[in-house]
């Protein structure tokens, strides 16, 4: 993830009618490995009961195998009481040798057996008319409903995102997190990706690519229109895998069909939400890796562990916090880290990479934009003033712990119990930790305002002209009518708002340069 000299920040969206090489629009997805994305999209399914329940109401082989109960109806009394006779139970043929096993087999069917028929014993079964016996035998023979749980512990990310073979989908599962959820997709060879279908995708697409430019780490993103050739293949693959479930359980299908017109294909991360990182023996290895210390023994903030030495991994985490704050200032994303906003933070929008070799261990997710509109003039100017004060203070005195950034230190240590119920990590990174956050912030605003990347490398600074061009490309692909703009979230992207924040960064940096020149001249 380095700086780019590209003339646009956005490069991930495929138009419904576009084919490789037909457009220079930076949103268009690369067609590399396109042959691998073709196929029927039929999900193979996985898990207990990997195929749809049989529709037959009687046992398999009924009428053909006289040793299996059900070949004669009503069941002869001598067969019913013959403990060596076999029954078809969930597709498996075996005897029900004890009275307890007989009754338990029918109890396991739950609501499929009317309450007035219970308990089903050999004696009561003997009294049932032919149609009741046939119904019970048929329910007993049915294979259990398909169940699938995404194997987070066993899968690995699949990259690049334009080489996915959608015909190899093994299973899908919709997460419960977020308002619209994330579809976890398991592919062949234990590989995985994520899919989102937000109703308002514009701010997430624009925000994610902008966030990357500031040096923050985001999951890799590729966008497809649902109506494009490949988009239709993806939709078919996801809904086909989901169709193995009972109708009322097909949450993936509902999310895909009720979502917006664009599929957001995200890199799957072996990472953990910060909200799910709590002091416990189970997280000892993670604490040692990130902080170099063991977690506190309690999660009630009654004990705090001081970090004496900021290791390389922790420095990287803290600097990424700083670059994330710079992005959040530009787009007014107030729902993540506390700094200039009146909130205690949201640990659900940050993740820690579990890979010990990860270069960027902190990952930002849900990079939405919520620019303050021009109509809210006083609120907008008040916000700009907060940005100005925090930026100038940090630029002019980088080695002083500033109150706005010290809130990040407090957030990591004590959490946000009253907001999101997270008790924090119980680890205090100290003043030096706050200074690392500020250094990450300064690196990001240099990149945004001056086009100065890590180690002096060059990248494209953020300007009104560039943002307007990027937005124009996004509008042309998503539709720029007033109706579609409101429906897709385009109205929430305000290039002038974003550029005004970058102007504040630039002015503060220029002020610092002027002061340095003045002090040099006076000497």
Protein backbone atom coordinates (compact mmCIF):
# COMPACT_ATOMS: atom_id res chain seq x y z
CA UNK A 1 0.00 0.00 0.00
CA UNK A 2 2.04 2.92 -1.22
CA UNK A 3 1.42 6.23 -2.82
CA UNK A 4 0.07 6.30 -6.31
CA UNK A 5 0.69 8.71 -9.14
CA UNK A 6 -2.62 7.76 -10.73
CA UNK A 7 -4.84 10.61 -11.85
CA UNK A 8 -7.77 9.18 -9.92
CA UNK A 9 -8.29 7.54 -6.57
CA UNK A 10 -11.03 5.20 -7.70
CA UNK A 11 -10.49 2.07 -9.73
CA UNK A 12 -12.79 -0.67 -8.60
CA UNK A 13 -16.23 -0.51 -10.26
CA UNK A 14 -17.44 -2.37 -13.34
CA UNK A 15 -20.21 -0.86 -15.40
CA UNK A 16 -23.08 -3.11 -16.55
CA UNK A 17 -22.24 -2.68 -20.24
CA UNK A 18 -18.48 -2.32 -19.93
CA UNK A 19 -16.00 -4.82 -21.28
CA UNK A 20 -12.26 -4.89 -20.85
CA UNK A 21 -10.45 -2.08 -22.58
CA UNK A 22 -13.54 -0.08 -23.53
CA UNK A 23 -13.29 2.68 -20.95
CA UNK A 24 -10.61 4.68 -19.17
CA UNK A 25 -12.87 5.30 -16.18
CA UNK A 26 -10.88 4.55 -13.05
CA UNK A 27 -13.85 2.90 -11.39
CA UNK A 28 -13.84 0.05 -13.88
CA UNK A 29 -12.73 -3.28 -12.45
CA UNK A 30 -9.75 -5.03 -13.91
CA UNK A 31 -10.67 -7.93 -16.17
CA UNK A 32 -7.70 -10.06 -15.10
CA UNK A 33 -8.71 -13.65 -14.65
CA UNK A 34 -12.10 -13.00 -16.19
CA UNK A 35 -12.35 -16.56 -17.42
CA UNK A 36 -12.27 -17.73 -13.83
CA UNK A 37 -15.41 -15.80 -12.95
CA UNK A 38 -17.61 -17.58 -15.46
CA UNK A 39 -19.77 -20.51 -14.50
CA UNK A 40 -23.21 -21.44 -13.38
CA UNK A 41 -22.72 -19.96 -9.92
CA UNK A 42 -24.37 -22.96 -8.35
CA UNK A 43 -23.36 -23.20 -4.72
CA UNK A 44 -22.08 -26.59 -3.66
CA UNK A 45 -23.26 -26.11 -0.13
CA UNK A 46 -21.61 -27.44 2.98
CA UNK A 47 -22.47 -28.48 6.45
CA UNK A 48 -24.89 -30.82 8.08
CA UNK A 49 -27.53 -31.93 5.60
CA UNK A 50 -25.74 -30.49 2.57
CA UNK A 51 -28.71 -30.89 0.22
CA UNK A 52 -32.33 -29.69 0.34
CA UNK A 53 -34.72 -31.88 2.36
CA UNK A 54 -36.42 -34.58 0.26
CA UNK A 55 -39.97 -33.79 -0.79
CA UNK A 56 -41.26 -37.32 -0.48
CA UNK A 57 -43.54 -37.89 2.48
CA UNK A 58 -42.54 -41.53 2.95
CA UNK A 59 -39.20 -43.23 3.63
CA UNK A 60 -36.74 -43.85 0.86
CA UNK A 61 -37.17 -47.29 -0.56
CA UNK A 62 -40.64 -47.76 0.92
CA UNK A 63 -42.39 -50.64 -0.75
CA UNK A 64 -39.10 -52.11 -1.95
CA UNK A 65 -37.41 -53.21 1.30
CA UNK A 66 -39.71 -55.19 3.57
CA UNK A 67 -37.16 -55.02 6.40
CA UNK A 68 -37.73 -51.26 6.75
CA UNK A 69 -40.82 -50.10 8.59
CA UNK A 70 -43.20 -48.38 6.20
CA UNK A 71 -43.33 -50.93 3.41
CA UNK A 72 -46.80 -51.82 4.73
CA UNK A 73 -49.36 -49.39 6.09
CA UNK A 74 -50.75 -49.46 8.61
CA UNK A 75 -47.67 -51.02 10.16
CA UNK A 76 -48.32 -54.62 11.18
CA UNK A 77 -48.33 -55.04 14.96
CA UNK A 78 -45.68 -57.74 14.85
CA UNK A 79 -43.36 -55.42 12.81
CA UNK A 80 -43.97 -52.50 15.16
CA UNK A 81 -42.90 -54.50 18.19
CA UNK A 82 -40.02 -56.27 16.43
CA UNK A 83 -36.96 -54.54 17.88
CA UNK A 84 -34.78 -55.76 15.00
CA UNK A 85 -36.88 -54.08 12.33
CA UNK A 86 -35.25 -50.98 10.85
CA UNK A 87 -36.66 -47.46 10.66
CA UNK A 88 -35.56 -44.70 8.31
CA UNK A 89 -34.38 -41.93 10.64
CA UNK A 90 -33.10 -38.78 8.91
CA UNK A 91 -31.88 -40.80 5.93
CA UNK A 92 -30.15 -43.43 8.06
CA UNK A 93 -31.75 -46.89 8.27
CA UNK A 94 -31.36 -48.61 11.65
CA UNK A 95 -33.45 -50.29 14.37
CA UNK A 96 -34.99 -48.42 17.30
CA UNK A 97 -34.14 -51.12 19.79
CA UNK A 98 -35.46 -49.56 23.00
CA UNK A 99 -38.72 -47.88 23.87
CA UNK A 100 -36.74 -44.81 24.95
CA UNK A 101 -35.01 -44.61 21.55
CA UNK A 102 -38.37 -44.98 19.79
CA UNK A 103 -40.01 -42.12 21.67
CA UNK A 104 -36.90 -39.90 21.48
CA UNK A 105 -36.74 -40.25 17.68
CA UNK A 106 -40.20 -38.73 17.32
CA UNK A 107 -39.64 -36.13 20.07
CA UNK A 108 -36.65 -34.86 18.08
CA UNK A 109 -39.02 -33.86 15.27
CA UNK A 110 -40.34 -31.05 17.44
CA UNK A 111 -43.28 -29.14 15.99
CA UNK A 112 -43.54 -31.55 13.06
CA UNK A 113 -45.40 -33.86 15.45
CA UNK A 114 -48.65 -32.33 16.78
CA UNK A 115 -48.71 -31.89 20.53
CA UNK A 116 -51.86 -33.99 20.85
CA UNK A 117 -50.01 -36.99 19.35
CA UNK A 118 -47.23 -36.94 21.93
CA UNK A 119 -45.50 -38.80 23.37
CA UNK A 120 -45.28 -41.24 20.48
CA UNK A 121 -44.78 -44.73 21.90
CA UNK A 122 -45.06 -48.08 20.20
CA UNK A 123 -48.42 -48.54 21.92
CA UNK A 124 -49.79 -45.14 20.82
CA UNK A 125 -48.38 -45.55 17.30
CA UNK A 126 -50.28 -48.84 17.07
CA UNK A 127 -53.56 -47.00 17.63
CA UNK A 128 -52.97 -44.35 14.96
CA UNK A 129 -54.84 -44.63 11.68
CA UNK A 130 -52.95 -45.25 8.46
CA UNK A 131 -52.63 -41.57 7.50
CA UNK A 132 -51.14 -40.60 10.88
CA UNK A 133 -48.63 -43.44 10.69
CA UNK A 134 -47.69 -42.45 7.16
CA UNK A 135 -47.16 -38.82 8.20
CA UNK A 136 -44.99 -39.76 11.18
CA UNK A 137 -42.89 -42.19 9.15
CA UNK A 138 -42.42 -39.57 6.44
CA UNK A 139 -41.31 -36.86 8.92
CA UNK A 140 -38.95 -39.30 10.62
CA UNK A 141 -37.31 -40.17 7.29
CA UNK A 142 -36.61 -36.58 6.26
CA UNK A 143 -33.00 -35.51 6.37
CA UNK A 144 -32.34 -32.65 8.83
CA UNK A 145 -32.50 -29.11 7.44
CA UNK A 146 -29.35 -27.74 5.85
CA UNK A 147 -27.16 -25.83 8.28
CA UNK A 148 -23.94 -23.98 7.56
CA UNK A 149 -21.56 -21.97 9.68
CA UNK A 150 -18.82 -19.97 8.04
CA UNK A 151 -15.49 -21.50 9.22
CA UNK A 152 -13.67 -18.33 10.28
CA UNK A 153 -10.84 -20.29 11.88
CA UNK A 154 -10.10 -22.39 8.80
CA UNK A 155 -10.32 -20.08 5.77
CA UNK A 156 -7.80 -17.72 4.19
CA UNK A 157 -8.30 -14.51 2.18
CA UNK A 158 -8.48 -14.83 -1.60
CA UNK A 159 -6.62 -12.17 -3.59
CA UNK A 160 -6.73 -10.62 -6.13
CA UNK A 161 -10.45 -10.01 -6.10
CA UNK A 162 -10.81 -10.13 -9.88
CA UNK A 163 -9.82 -13.82 -10.10
CA UNK A 164 -12.69 -15.32 -8.08
CA UNK A 165 -14.28 -18.49 -9.45
CA UNK A 166 -17.87 -17.93 -8.33
CA UNK A 167 -18.86 -21.44 -9.43
CA UNK A 168 -16.77 -22.75 -6.51
CA UNK A 169 -18.91 -21.26 -3.74
CA UNK A 170 -19.09 -23.75 -0.87
CA UNK A 171 -21.32 -21.84 1.53
CA UNK A 172 -22.53 -18.38 2.52
CA UNK A 173 -23.54 -16.78 5.80
CA UNK A 174 -24.86 -13.32 6.64
CA UNK A 175 -23.25 -11.63 9.61
CA UNK A 176 -25.42 -10.02 12.26
CA UNK A 177 -23.16 -6.97 12.53
CA UNK A 178 -24.14 -3.65 11.01
CA UNK A 179 -27.50 -2.50 9.72
CA UNK A 180 -27.26 -4.36 6.40
CA UNK A 181 -24.80 -7.11 7.26
CA UNK A 182 -21.86 -8.69 5.48
CA UNK A 183 -22.09 -11.91 3.46
CA UNK A 184 -19.17 -14.22 4.25
CA UNK A 185 -18.45 -16.41 1.22
CA UNK A 186 -16.47 -19.63 1.46
CA UNK A 187 -14.90 -20.74 -1.81
CA UNK A 188 -13.02 -23.86 -2.85
CA UNK A 189 -9.72 -24.69 -1.15
CA UNK A 190 -10.77 -22.93 2.08
CA UNK A 191 -10.55 -19.46 0.56
CA UNK A 192 -12.93 -16.64 1.34
CA UNK A 193 -14.19 -13.18 0.40
CA UNK A 194 -16.91 -10.88 1.73
CA UNK A 195 -19.79 -9.26 -0.13
CA UNK A 196 -21.88 -6.25 0.85
CA UNK A 197 -24.92 -4.91 -0.99
CA UNK A 198 -25.59 -1.55 0.72
CA UNK A 199 -28.57 0.46 -0.36
CA UNK A 200 -26.41 3.61 -0.43
CA UNK A 201 -23.02 2.43 -1.73
CA UNK A 202 -21.64 5.76 -2.98
CA UNK A 203 -20.20 7.05 0.31
CA UNK A 204 -18.63 3.69 1.17
CA UNK A 205 -16.95 3.37 -2.24
CA UNK A 206 -15.71 6.96 -2.27
CA UNK A 207 -14.73 6.91 1.40
CA UNK A 208 -12.80 3.64 1.27
CA UNK A 209 -10.62 4.69 -1.65
CA UNK A 210 -9.98 8.09 -0.07
CA UNK A 211 -9.07 6.45 3.23
CA UNK A 212 -6.47 4.27 1.49
CA UNK A 213 -4.81 7.34 0.02
CA UNK A 214 -4.19 8.71 3.49
CA UNK A 215 -2.17 5.67 4.49
CA UNK A 216 -4.85 3.92 6.54
CA UNK A 217 -5.37 0.24 5.90
CA UNK A 218 -8.74 -0.81 4.49
CA UNK A 219 -9.92 -4.18 3.20
CA UNK A 220 -9.34 -4.55 -0.54
CA UNK A 221 -12.45 -3.52 -2.49
CA UNK A 222 -13.85 -4.36 -5.91
CA UNK A 223 -17.26 -3.20 -7.13
CA UNK A 224 -19.65 -4.81 -9.60
CA UNK A 225 -23.07 -3.78 -10.83
CA UNK A 226 -25.62 -6.45 -10.08
CA UNK A 227 -26.83 -6.18 -13.67
CA UNK A 228 -23.38 -6.66 -15.24
CA UNK A 229 -22.55 -10.09 -16.68
CA UNK A 230 -20.28 -10.95 -13.77
CA UNK A 231 -22.62 -9.33 -11.27
CA UNK A 232 -25.41 -11.68 -12.33
CA UNK A 233 -23.07 -14.64 -11.89
CA UNK A 234 -22.22 -13.47 -8.36
CA UNK A 235 -25.88 -12.98 -7.43
CA UNK A 236 -26.76 -16.43 -8.78
CA UNK A 237 -23.87 -18.04 -6.89
CA UNK A 238 -24.82 -16.45 -3.57
CA UNK A 239 -28.54 -17.12 -3.82
CA UNK A 240 -28.00 -20.68 -5.07
CA UNK A 241 -25.82 -21.49 -2.06
CA UNK A 242 -28.40 -19.88 0.22
CA UNK A 243 -31.27 -21.86 -1.38
CA UNK A 244 -30.17 -24.99 0.49
CA UNK A 245 -31.68 -23.42 3.60
CA UNK A 246 -35.33 -23.36 4.54
CA UNK A 247 -37.18 -20.47 2.90
CA UNK A 248 -37.53 -18.47 6.10
CA UNK A 249 -33.77 -18.81 6.78
CA UNK A 250 -32.54 -17.39 3.46
CA UNK A 251 -31.14 -14.15 4.86
CA UNK A 252 -28.37 -13.93 2.27
CA UNK A 253 -30.90 -13.99 -0.56
CA UNK A 254 -32.91 -11.22 1.09
CA UNK A 255 -29.80 -9.09 1.64
CA UNK A 256 -28.68 -9.46 -1.98
CA UNK A 257 -32.07 -8.86 -3.56
CA UNK A 258 -33.15 -6.02 -1.26
CA UNK A 259 -29.81 -4.21 -1.35
CA UNK A 260 -28.60 -1.54 -3.73
CA UNK A 261 -27.55 -1.95 -7.37
CA UNK A 262 -23.86 -2.51 -6.63
CA UNK A 263 -22.03 -5.49 -5.16
CA UNK A 264 -19.07 -4.55 -2.98
CA UNK A 265 -16.59 -7.44 -3.04
CA UNK A 266 -14.28 -7.07 -0.04
CA UNK A 267 -11.10 -8.80 0.97
CA UNK A 268 -11.77 -11.25 3.80
CA UNK A 269 -9.60 -10.41 6.79
CA UNK A 270 -8.22 -12.72 9.44
CA UNK A 271 -8.89 -10.00 11.95
CA UNK A 272 -10.89 -9.34 15.09
CA UNK A 273 -13.17 -6.41 15.82
CA UNK A 274 -11.62 -4.20 18.47
CA UNK A 275 -14.95 -4.49 20.29
CA UNK A 276 -14.30 -8.22 20.70
CA UNK A 277 -10.82 -7.79 22.16
CA UNK A 278 -11.13 -8.05 25.94
CA UNK A 279 -8.61 -8.78 28.69
CA UNK A 280 -8.62 -12.54 29.22
CA UNK A 281 -6.27 -15.53 29.05
CA UNK A 282 -7.65 -16.22 25.56
CA UNK A 283 -6.22 -12.91 24.28
CA UNK A 284 -2.84 -13.18 25.99
CA UNK A 285 -0.98 -13.95 22.74
CA UNK A 286 -2.65 -11.00 20.96
CA UNK A 287 -1.77 -8.64 23.83
CA UNK A 288 1.84 -9.83 23.81
CA UNK A 289 2.07 -9.36 20.05
CA UNK A 290 0.46 -5.91 19.90
CA UNK A 291 1.33 -4.33 23.26
CA UNK A 292 4.22 -6.42 24.52
CA UNK A 293 2.38 -7.03 27.81
CA UNK A 294 -0.08 -9.52 29.25
CA UNK A 295 -3.72 -8.39 29.61
CA UNK A 296 -5.10 -7.23 32.95
CA UNK A 297 -6.69 -9.92 35.09
CA UNK A 298 -10.05 -8.11 35.16
CA UNK A 299 -12.18 -6.35 32.55
CA UNK A 300 -13.86 -3.84 34.88
CA UNK A 301 -11.14 -1.15 34.57
CA UNK A 302 -10.06 -1.89 38.14
CA UNK A 303 -6.56 -2.69 36.86
CA UNK A 304 -4.49 -0.95 34.21
CA UNK A 305 -1.33 -2.29 32.63
CA UNK A 306 1.26 0.36 31.74
CA UNK A 307 3.21 -0.07 28.51
CA UNK A 308 6.81 0.92 29.16
CA UNK A 309 8.18 0.23 25.69
CA UNK A 310 6.30 0.90 22.45
CA UNK A 311 7.28 -1.96 20.16
CA UNK A 312 7.15 -1.76 16.37
CA UNK A 313 3.69 -3.33 16.12
CA UNK A 314 2.16 -0.99 18.70
CA UNK A 315 3.78 2.03 17.06
CA UNK A 316 2.19 0.98 13.77
CA UNK A 317 -1.24 0.58 15.41
CA UNK A 318 -1.05 4.02 17.00
CA UNK A 319 0.16 5.76 13.85
CA UNK A 320 -2.66 4.12 11.91
CA UNK A 321 -5.04 5.56 14.50
CA UNK A 322 -3.63 8.97 13.64
CA UNK A 323 -4.00 8.55 9.87
CA UNK A 324 -7.55 7.27 10.41
CA UNK A 325 -8.37 10.43 12.38
CA UNK A 326 -7.11 12.55 9.47
CA UNK A 327 -9.45 10.70 7.10
CA UNK A 328 -12.36 10.93 9.54
CA UNK A 329 -11.82 14.70 9.79
CA UNK A 330 -11.93 15.07 6.00
CA UNK A 331 -15.23 13.21 5.63
CA UNK A 332 -16.71 13.97 9.08
CA UNK A 333 -16.83 10.32 10.09
CA UNK A 334 -17.52 10.89 13.76
CA UNK A 335 -18.34 7.27 14.67
CA UNK A 336 -14.94 5.69 15.25
CA UNK A 337 -12.17 7.34 17.28
CA UNK A 338 -12.74 10.16 19.77
CA UNK A 339 -10.78 13.32 19.03
CA UNK A 340 -12.68 16.43 18.03
CA UNK A 341 -16.11 14.80 18.15
CA UNK A 342 -18.48 14.62 21.11
CA UNK A 343 -18.44 10.85 21.41
CA UNK A 344 -16.52 8.17 23.28
CA UNK A 345 -15.57 6.15 20.18
CA UNK A 346 -16.84 3.04 18.40
CA UNK A 347 -14.62 -0.07 18.58
CA UNK A 348 -16.79 -1.89 16.01
CA UNK A 349 -15.30 0.19 13.18
CA UNK A 350 -11.72 -0.91 13.82
CA UNK A 351 -10.14 -4.36 13.54
CA UNK A 352 -6.85 -5.90 14.63
CA UNK A 353 -5.15 -8.15 12.09
CA UNK A 354 -4.35 -11.53 13.64
CA UNK A 355 -1.42 -12.11 11.29
CA UNK A 356 1.78 -11.59 13.31
CA UNK A 357 3.55 -10.55 10.11
CA UNK A 358 0.99 -7.93 9.09
CA UNK A 359 2.64 -4.67 8.06
CA UNK A 360 -0.50 -2.71 8.94
CA UNK A 361 -2.07 -4.39 12.00
CA UNK A 362 -4.96 -1.92 12.41
CA UNK A 363 -7.74 -2.06 9.82
CA UNK A 364 -10.48 0.52 9.29
CA UNK A 365 -13.91 -0.65 8.17
CA UNK A 366 -17.23 1.05 7.34
CA UNK A 367 -15.49 4.14 5.98
CA UNK A 368 -18.64 6.16 5.44
CA UNK A 369 -18.86 9.86 4.67
CA UNK A 370 -21.21 12.28 6.41
CA UNK A 371 -20.16 15.71 5.20
CA UNK A 372 -21.95 18.60 6.90
CA UNK A 373 -24.12 20.32 4.25
CA UNK A 374 -23.71 23.95 3.25
CA UNK A 375 -27.19 24.65 4.58
CA UNK A 376 -25.86 24.02 8.09
CA UNK A 377 -23.53 27.00 7.81
CA UNK A 378 -22.84 27.66 11.49
CA UNK A 379 -22.42 23.99 12.30
CA UNK A 380 -20.10 23.57 9.34
CA UNK A 381 -17.91 26.52 10.31
CA UNK A 382 -17.80 25.40 13.94
CA UNK A 383 -16.57 22.01 12.78
CA UNK A 384 -13.88 23.57 10.58
CA UNK A 385 -12.72 25.58 13.59
CA UNK A 386 -12.35 22.40 15.67
CA UNK A 387 -10.28 20.84 12.90
CA UNK A 388 -8.15 23.99 12.65
CA UNK A 389 -7.43 24.15 16.38
CA UNK A 390 -6.47 20.49 16.69
CA UNK A 391 -4.37 20.55 13.51
CA UNK A 392 -2.45 23.75 14.27
CA UNK A 393 -1.73 22.66 17.82
CA UNK A 394 -0.31 19.34 16.63
CA UNK A 395 1.65 20.77 13.70
CA UNK A 396 3.24 23.55 15.75
CA UNK A 397 3.94 21.42 18.85
CA UNK A 398 4.22 17.78 17.72
CA UNK A 399 6.05 16.67 20.86
CA UNK A 400 3.36 17.91 23.23
CA UNK A 401 0.51 15.56 24.19
CA UNK A 402 -2.64 17.36 23.02
CA UNK A 403 -5.98 16.78 24.71
CA UNK A 404 -7.84 15.87 21.49
CA UNK A 405 -5.43 13.03 20.68
CA UNK A 406 -5.04 11.95 24.31
CA UNK A 407 -8.66 10.81 24.04
CA UNK A 408 -7.48 7.97 21.83
CA UNK A 409 -5.14 6.83 24.60
CA UNK A 410 -8.07 6.91 27.04
CA UNK A 411 -10.37 5.13 24.57
CA UNK A 412 -7.96 2.24 24.11
CA UNK A 413 -7.47 1.90 27.84
CA UNK A 414 -10.94 2.51 29.30
CA UNK A 415 -13.17 1.91 26.28
CA UNK A 416 -16.64 3.36 25.92
CA UNK A 417 -18.82 1.50 28.41
CA UNK A 418 -21.62 4.05 28.31
CA UNK A 419 -21.63 4.22 24.51
CA UNK A 420 -21.01 0.76 23.06
CA UNK A 421 -20.51 -1.21 26.25
CA UNK A 422 -16.84 -1.91 25.50
CA UNK A 423 -14.68 -1.82 28.65
CA UNK A 424 -11.48 -1.12 26.75
CA UNK A 425 -8.19 -3.00 26.62
CA UNK A 426 -7.04 -2.07 30.12
CA UNK A 427 -3.69 -1.00 28.68
CA UNK A 428 -2.28 2.53 28.95
CA UNK A 429 0.09 3.42 26.11
CA UNK A 430 1.17 6.55 27.97
CA UNK A 431 2.15 9.95 26.67
CA UNK A 432 4.49 8.37 24.13
CA UNK A 433 1.51 6.48 22.74
CA UNK A 434 -0.39 9.71 22.21
CA UNK A 435 2.63 11.21 20.44
CA UNK A 436 2.68 8.22 18.07
CA UNK A 437 -0.98 8.86 17.24
CA UNK A 438 -0.08 12.49 16.51
CA UNK A 439 2.83 11.42 14.29
CA UNK A 440 0.49 9.22 12.28
CA UNK A 441 -1.89 12.16 11.95
CA UNK A 442 0.91 14.46 10.74
CA UNK A 443 2.08 11.91 8.18
CA UNK A 444 -1.47 11.63 6.82
CA UNK A 445 -2.09 15.36 6.52
CA UNK A 446 1.28 15.79 4.75
CA UNK A 447 0.17 13.14 2.29
CA UNK A 448 -3.26 14.75 1.81
CA UNK A 449 -2.16 18.37 1.57
CA UNK A 450 1.35 18.22 0.10
CA UNK A 451 1.48 14.89 -1.71
CA UNK A 452 4.35 13.73 0.52
CA UNK A 453 4.22 10.03 1.28
CA UNK A 454 6.39 7.77 3.47
CA UNK A 455 10.16 8.24 3.23
CA UNK A 456 9.69 11.23 0.92
CA UNK A 457 7.84 9.31 -1.81
CA UNK A 458 5.47 11.33 -3.96
CA UNK A 459 1.71 10.86 -4.24
CA UNK A 460 -1.18 12.90 -5.51
CA UNK A 461 -2.42 15.55 -3.03
CA UNK A 462 -6.15 15.88 -2.47
CA UNK A 463 -7.69 18.84 -4.32
CA UNK A 464 -11.15 20.07 -5.27
CA UNK A 465 -10.43 19.35 -8.91
CA UNK A 466 -9.37 15.78 -8.27
CA UNK A 467 -12.26 15.05 -5.92
CA UNK A 468 -14.75 16.51 -8.41
CA UNK A 469 -13.35 14.31 -11.16
CA UNK A 470 -13.59 11.22 -8.98
CA UNK A 471 -17.16 12.08 -8.01
CA UNK A 472 -18.09 12.66 -11.64
CA UNK A 473 -16.87 9.19 -12.57
CA UNK A 474 -18.84 7.67 -9.72
CA UNK A 475 -21.99 9.57 -10.71
CA UNK A 476 -21.70 8.46 -14.33
CA UNK A 477 -21.59 4.85 -13.24
CA UNK A 478 -24.21 4.90 -10.49
CA UNK A 479 -26.51 7.42 -12.14
CA UNK A 480 -26.58 11.14 -11.50
CA UNK A 481 -30.29 11.95 -11.62
CA UNK A 482 -31.69 13.56 -8.45
CA UNK A 483 -33.65 10.39 -7.70
CA UNK A 484 -30.66 8.07 -8.04
CA UNK A 485 -28.36 10.50 -6.20
CA UNK A 486 -30.56 10.42 -3.11
CA UNK A 487 -31.14 6.68 -3.36
CA UNK A 488 -27.45 5.80 -3.67
CA UNK A 489 -25.99 8.29 -1.18
CA UNK A 490 -24.28 10.54 -3.73
CA UNK A 491 -25.79 13.61 -2.09
CA UNK A 492 -23.74 12.89 1.03
CA UNK A 493 -20.45 13.37 -0.83
CA UNK A 494 -19.45 17.03 -0.69
CA UNK A 495 -16.14 17.66 -2.47
CA UNK A 496 -15.95 21.25 -1.24
CA UNK A 497 -16.36 20.11 2.38
CA UNK A 498 -13.55 17.57 2.04
CA UNK A 499 -11.28 20.00 0.21
CA UNK A 500 -11.91 22.68 2.83
CA UNK A 501 -10.60 20.36 5.56
CA UNK A 502 -7.53 19.58 3.45
CA UNK A 503 -7.05 23.34 2.98
CA UNK A 504 -6.95 23.65 6.78
CA UNK A 505 -4.25 20.97 6.89
CA UNK A 506 -2.29 22.76 4.16
CA UNK A 507 -2.53 26.15 5.85
CA UNK A 508 -1.30 24.74 9.18
CA UNK A 509 1.65 23.01 7.50
CA UNK A 510 2.51 26.16 5.59
CA UNK A 511 2.34 28.20 8.80
CA UNK A 512 4.80 25.81 10.40
CA UNK A 513 7.17 26.13 7.45
CA UNK A 514 6.97 29.92 7.58
CA UNK A 515 7.70 29.96 11.31
CA UNK A 516 10.69 27.69 10.79
CA UNK A 517 12.02 29.95 8.06
CA UNK A 518 11.50 33.00 10.27
CA UNK A 519 13.36 31.44 13.18
CA UNK A 520 16.22 30.47 10.86
CA UNK A 521 16.47 34.02 9.50
CA UNK A 522 16.47 35.55 12.99
CA UNK A 523 19.32 33.27 14.01
